């Protein structure tokens, strides 16, 4: 099993099939990746990981771990390079602010940078299994 670091892509540890209900049933596929030690993330506060050529920001807020794509939707700057304050990560390029919990983009950033862009960014579930972190994408 592969573990996260900033230099090497991870490999999936398992495929998970699940059913969701949003008015009707849909069939989806999720990949899970073992990221590494929760204790290590407590020291680092945030990581940048590459999964199947897609960068993700993994961040610790309190005792919760959050994951979002590590690209600002405005000009694809790395959010990992931004400032983490509570649940908010700030883009280092133009200071757009993103909520790690909800994926919401702050109102000022939406008006300035995202007139025709997304209302939210995608958030991903991170499970803490003992000392191991597992990302669902």
C-alpha atoms as a PDB file:
ATOM      1  CA  UNK A   1       0.000   0.000   0.000  1.00  0.00           C
ATOM      2  CA  UNK A   2       1.272   3.455  -0.864  1.00  0.00           C
ATOM      3  CA  UNK A   3       1.414   6.367   1.522  1.00  0.00           C
ATOM      4  CA  UNK A   4       1.106  10.058   0.749  1.00  0.00           C
ATOM      5  CA  UNK A   5       3.992  12.364   0.271  1.00  0.00           C
ATOM      6  CA  UNK A   6       4.502  15.414  -1.875  1.00  0.00           C
ATOM      7  CA  UNK A   7       6.624  13.699  -4.518  1.00  0.00           C
ATOM      8  CA  UNK A   8       5.001  10.424  -5.542  1.00  0.00           C
ATOM      9  CA  UNK A   9       1.457   9.597  -6.662  1.00  0.00           C
ATOM     10  CA  UNK A  10      -0.499   7.181  -4.499  1.00  0.00           C
ATOM     11  CA  UNK A  11      -2.098   4.006  -5.695  1.00  0.00           C
ATOM     12  CA  UNK A  12      -5.638   3.012  -4.749  1.00  0.00           C
ATOM     13  CA  UNK A  13      -6.087   0.578  -1.897  1.00  0.00           C
ATOM     14  CA  UNK A  14      -9.562  -0.546  -2.919  1.00  0.00           C
ATOM     15  CA  UNK A  15     -12.568   0.145  -5.106  1.00  0.00           C
ATOM     16  CA  UNK A  16     -15.764   0.917  -3.239  1.00  0.00           C
ATOM     17  CA  UNK A  17     -19.147   0.671  -4.902  1.00  0.00           C
ATOM     18  CA  UNK A  18     -22.024   2.509  -3.307  1.00  0.00           C
ATOM     19  CA  UNK A  19     -25.622   3.543  -3.891  1.00  0.00           C
ATOM     20  CA  UNK A  20     -26.832   7.066  -3.354  1.00  0.00           C
ATOM     21  CA  UNK A  21     -30.330   8.472  -3.403  1.00  0.00           C
ATOM     22  CA  UNK A  22     -30.975  11.878  -4.916  1.00  0.00           C
ATOM     23  CA  UNK A  23     -34.589  11.515  -5.982  1.00  0.00           C
ATOM     24  CA  UNK A  24     -33.698   8.237  -7.686  1.00  0.00           C
ATOM     25  CA  UNK A  25     -30.993   5.625  -7.334  1.00  0.00           C
ATOM     26  CA  UNK A  26     -27.646   6.111  -9.003  1.00  0.00           C
ATOM     27  CA  UNK A  27     -24.730   3.736  -9.134  1.00  0.00           C
ATOM     28  CA  UNK A  28     -21.307   5.213  -8.501  1.00  0.00           C
ATOM     29  CA  UNK A  29     -17.722   4.218  -7.981  1.00  0.00           C
ATOM     30  CA  UNK A  30     -15.360   5.683  -5.431  1.00  0.00           C
ATOM     31  CA  UNK A  31     -11.633   5.152  -4.978  1.00  0.00           C
ATOM     32  CA  UNK A  32     -10.017   5.102  -1.547  1.00  0.00           C
ATOM     33  CA  UNK A  33      -6.410   6.067  -0.919  1.00  0.00           C
ATOM     34  CA  UNK A  34      -4.389   5.539   2.241  1.00  0.00           C
ATOM     35  CA  UNK A  35      -2.789   8.915   2.950  1.00  0.00           C
ATOM     36  CA  UNK A  36      -0.611   8.194   5.967  1.00  0.00           C
ATOM     37  CA  UNK A  37      -0.500   8.912   9.663  1.00  0.00           C
ATOM     38  CA  UNK A  38      -3.001  11.177  11.421  1.00  0.00           C
ATOM     39  CA  UNK A  39      -0.250  11.945  13.959  1.00  0.00           C
ATOM     40  CA  UNK A  40       1.999  13.190  11.131  1.00  0.00           C
ATOM     41  CA  UNK A  41      -0.760  15.421   9.726  1.00  0.00           C
ATOM     42  CA  UNK A  42      -1.219  16.865  13.229  1.00  0.00           C
ATOM     43  CA  UNK A  43       2.412  18.037  13.003  1.00  0.00           C
ATOM     44  CA  UNK A  44       2.244  19.292   9.403  1.00  0.00           C
ATOM     45  CA  UNK A  45      -1.337  20.755   9.449  1.00  0.00           C
ATOM     46  CA  UNK A  46      -1.724  20.349   5.668  1.00  0.00           C
ATOM     47  CA  UNK A  47      -0.439  18.149   2.849  1.00  0.00           C
ATOM     48  CA  UNK A  48      -0.476  18.239  -0.932  1.00  0.00           C
ATOM     49  CA  UNK A  49      -0.952  14.811  -2.514  1.00  0.00           C
ATOM     50  CA  UNK A  50      -1.184  13.697  -6.139  1.00  0.00           C
ATOM     51  CA  UNK A  51      -3.750  11.003  -6.983  1.00  0.00           C
ATOM     52  CA  UNK A  52      -4.088   9.829 -10.585  1.00  0.00           C
ATOM     53  CA  UNK A  53      -2.500  13.089 -11.798  1.00  0.00           C
ATOM     54  CA  UNK A  54      -4.905  15.206  -9.707  1.00  0.00           C
ATOM     55  CA  UNK A  55      -3.547  17.306  -6.814  1.00  0.00           C
ATOM     56  CA  UNK A  56      -5.456  17.436  -3.516  1.00  0.00           C
ATOM     57  CA  UNK A  57      -5.081  19.582  -0.421  1.00  0.00           C
ATOM     58  CA  UNK A  58      -5.463  17.605   2.813  1.00  0.00           C
ATOM     59  CA  UNK A  59      -5.893  19.877   5.837  1.00  0.00           C
ATOM     60  CA  UNK A  60      -6.382  19.441   9.563  1.00  0.00           C
ATOM     61  CA  UNK A  61      -8.885  21.741  11.274  1.00  0.00           C
ATOM     62  CA  UNK A  62      -9.274  20.951  14.964  1.00  0.00           C
ATOM     63  CA  UNK A  63      -9.580  17.168  15.038  1.00  0.00           C
ATOM     64  CA  UNK A  64     -11.196  16.936  11.596  1.00  0.00           C
ATOM     65  CA  UNK A  65      -9.466  16.275   8.278  1.00  0.00           C
ATOM     66  CA  UNK A  66     -10.719  17.837   5.049  1.00  0.00           C
ATOM     67  CA  UNK A  67      -9.799  17.323   1.408  1.00  0.00           C
ATOM     68  CA  UNK A  68     -10.373  19.538  -1.637  1.00  0.00           C
ATOM     69  CA  UNK A  69      -8.775  19.763  -5.064  1.00  0.00           C
ATOM     70  CA  UNK A  70      -5.481  21.649  -4.760  1.00  0.00           C
ATOM     71  CA  UNK A  71      -6.322  24.109  -7.494  1.00  0.00           C
ATOM     72  CA  UNK A  72      -8.046  27.449  -7.289  1.00  0.00           C
ATOM     73  CA  UNK A  73     -10.813  27.408  -9.932  1.00  0.00           C
ATOM     74  CA  UNK A  74      -9.819  30.947 -11.000  1.00  0.00           C
ATOM     75  CA  UNK A  75      -6.277  30.376 -12.325  1.00  0.00           C
ATOM     76  CA  UNK A  76      -5.408  26.959 -10.894  1.00  0.00           C
ATOM     77  CA  UNK A  77      -2.960  28.227  -8.261  1.00  0.00           C
ATOM     78  CA  UNK A  78      -2.010  25.672  -5.596  1.00  0.00           C
ATOM     79  CA  UNK A  79      -4.183  26.218  -2.522  1.00  0.00           C
ATOM     80  CA  UNK A  80      -1.590  24.286  -0.505  1.00  0.00           C
ATOM     81  CA  UNK A  81       0.608  27.393  -0.802  1.00  0.00           C
ATOM     82  CA  UNK A  82      -2.186  29.506   0.708  1.00  0.00           C
ATOM     83  CA  UNK A  83      -2.811  30.508   4.297  1.00  0.00           C
ATOM     84  CA  UNK A  84      -4.954  28.181   6.421  1.00  0.00           C
ATOM     85  CA  UNK A  85      -7.039  29.952   9.075  1.00  0.00           C
ATOM     86  CA  UNK A  86      -9.580  27.733  10.781  1.00  0.00           C
ATOM     87  CA  UNK A  87     -11.819  26.233   8.082  1.00  0.00           C
ATOM     88  CA  UNK A  88     -10.708  28.780   5.456  1.00  0.00           C
ATOM     89  CA  UNK A  89      -7.880  28.380   2.949  1.00  0.00           C
ATOM     90  CA  UNK A  90      -6.841  31.519   1.062  1.00  0.00           C
ATOM     91  CA  UNK A  91      -5.531  31.320  -2.495  1.00  0.00           C
ATOM     92  CA  UNK A  92      -1.981  32.708  -2.584  1.00  0.00           C
ATOM     93  CA  UNK A  93      -2.501  34.251  -6.031  1.00  0.00           C
ATOM     94  CA  UNK A  94      -5.547  36.513  -5.605  1.00  0.00           C
ATOM     95  CA  UNK A  95      -6.643  35.878  -1.988  1.00  0.00           C
ATOM     96  CA  UNK A  96      -9.905  34.101  -2.867  1.00  0.00           C
ATOM     97  CA  UNK A  97     -11.202  32.266   0.224  1.00  0.00           C
ATOM     98  CA  UNK A  98     -12.585  28.717   0.298  1.00  0.00           C
ATOM     99  CA  UNK A  99     -14.335  26.904   3.141  1.00  0.00           C
ATOM    100  CA  UNK A 100     -12.799  23.427   3.558  1.00  0.00           C
ATOM    101  CA  UNK A 101     -15.917  22.030   5.240  1.00  0.00           C
ATOM    102  CA  UNK A 102     -18.652  23.212   2.878  1.00  0.00           C
ATOM    103  CA  UNK A 103     -16.685  24.033  -0.274  1.00  0.00           C
ATOM    104  CA  UNK A 104     -18.270  27.489  -0.289  1.00  0.00           C
ATOM    105  CA  UNK A 105     -16.400  30.357  -1.933  1.00  0.00           C
ATOM    106  CA  UNK A 106     -16.651  33.646  -0.011  1.00  0.00           C
ATOM    107  CA  UNK A 107     -19.015  36.246  -1.476  1.00  0.00           C
ATOM    108  CA  UNK A 108     -16.322  38.822  -2.331  1.00  0.00           C
ATOM    109  CA  UNK A 109     -14.250  36.231  -4.216  1.00  0.00           C
ATOM    110  CA  UNK A 110     -17.350  35.054  -6.104  1.00  0.00           C
ATOM    111  CA  UNK A 111     -18.111  38.613  -7.231  1.00  0.00           C
ATOM    112  CA  UNK A 112     -14.552  39.395  -8.304  1.00  0.00           C
ATOM    113  CA  UNK A 113     -13.224  36.118  -9.727  1.00  0.00           C
ATOM    114  CA  UNK A 114     -16.076  33.708 -10.312  1.00  0.00           C
ATOM    115  CA  UNK A 115     -18.875  35.578 -12.120  1.00  0.00           C
ATOM    116  CA  UNK A 116     -19.447  32.585 -14.372  1.00  0.00           C
ATOM    117  CA  UNK A 117     -17.610  29.967 -12.348  1.00  0.00           C
ATOM    118  CA  UNK A 118     -18.536  27.498  -9.650  1.00  0.00           C
ATOM    119  CA  UNK A 119     -20.625  28.325  -6.603  1.00  0.00           C
ATOM    120  CA  UNK A 120     -18.622  25.806  -4.571  1.00  0.00           C
ATOM    121  CA  UNK A 121     -15.533  23.662  -4.840  1.00  0.00           C
ATOM    122  CA  UNK A 122     -15.676  19.893  -4.433  1.00  0.00           C
ATOM    123  CA  UNK A 123     -15.002  18.477  -0.985  1.00  0.00           C
ATOM    124  CA  UNK A 124     -13.950  14.876  -0.353  1.00  0.00           C
ATOM    125  CA  UNK A 125     -14.460  12.620   2.646  1.00  0.00           C
ATOM    126  CA  UNK A 126     -11.425  11.675   4.754  1.00  0.00           C
ATOM    127  CA  UNK A 127     -11.856   8.812   7.230  1.00  0.00           C
ATOM    128  CA  UNK A 128      -9.639   8.467  10.294  1.00  0.00           C
ATOM    129  CA  UNK A 129      -9.108   4.727  10.868  1.00  0.00           C
ATOM    130  CA  UNK A 130      -6.965   4.385  13.992  1.00  0.00           C
ATOM    131  CA  UNK A 131      -3.921   6.470  13.037  1.00  0.00           C
ATOM    132  CA  UNK A 132      -4.449   6.051   9.284  1.00  0.00           C
ATOM    133  CA  UNK A 133      -6.119   8.629   7.027  1.00  0.00           C
ATOM    134  CA  UNK A 134      -8.139   7.314   4.092  1.00  0.00           C
ATOM    135  CA  UNK A 135      -9.351   9.618   1.320  1.00  0.00           C
ATOM    136  CA  UNK A 136     -12.503   8.860  -0.695  1.00  0.00           C
ATOM    137  CA  UNK A 137     -12.498  10.321  -4.213  1.00  0.00           C
END
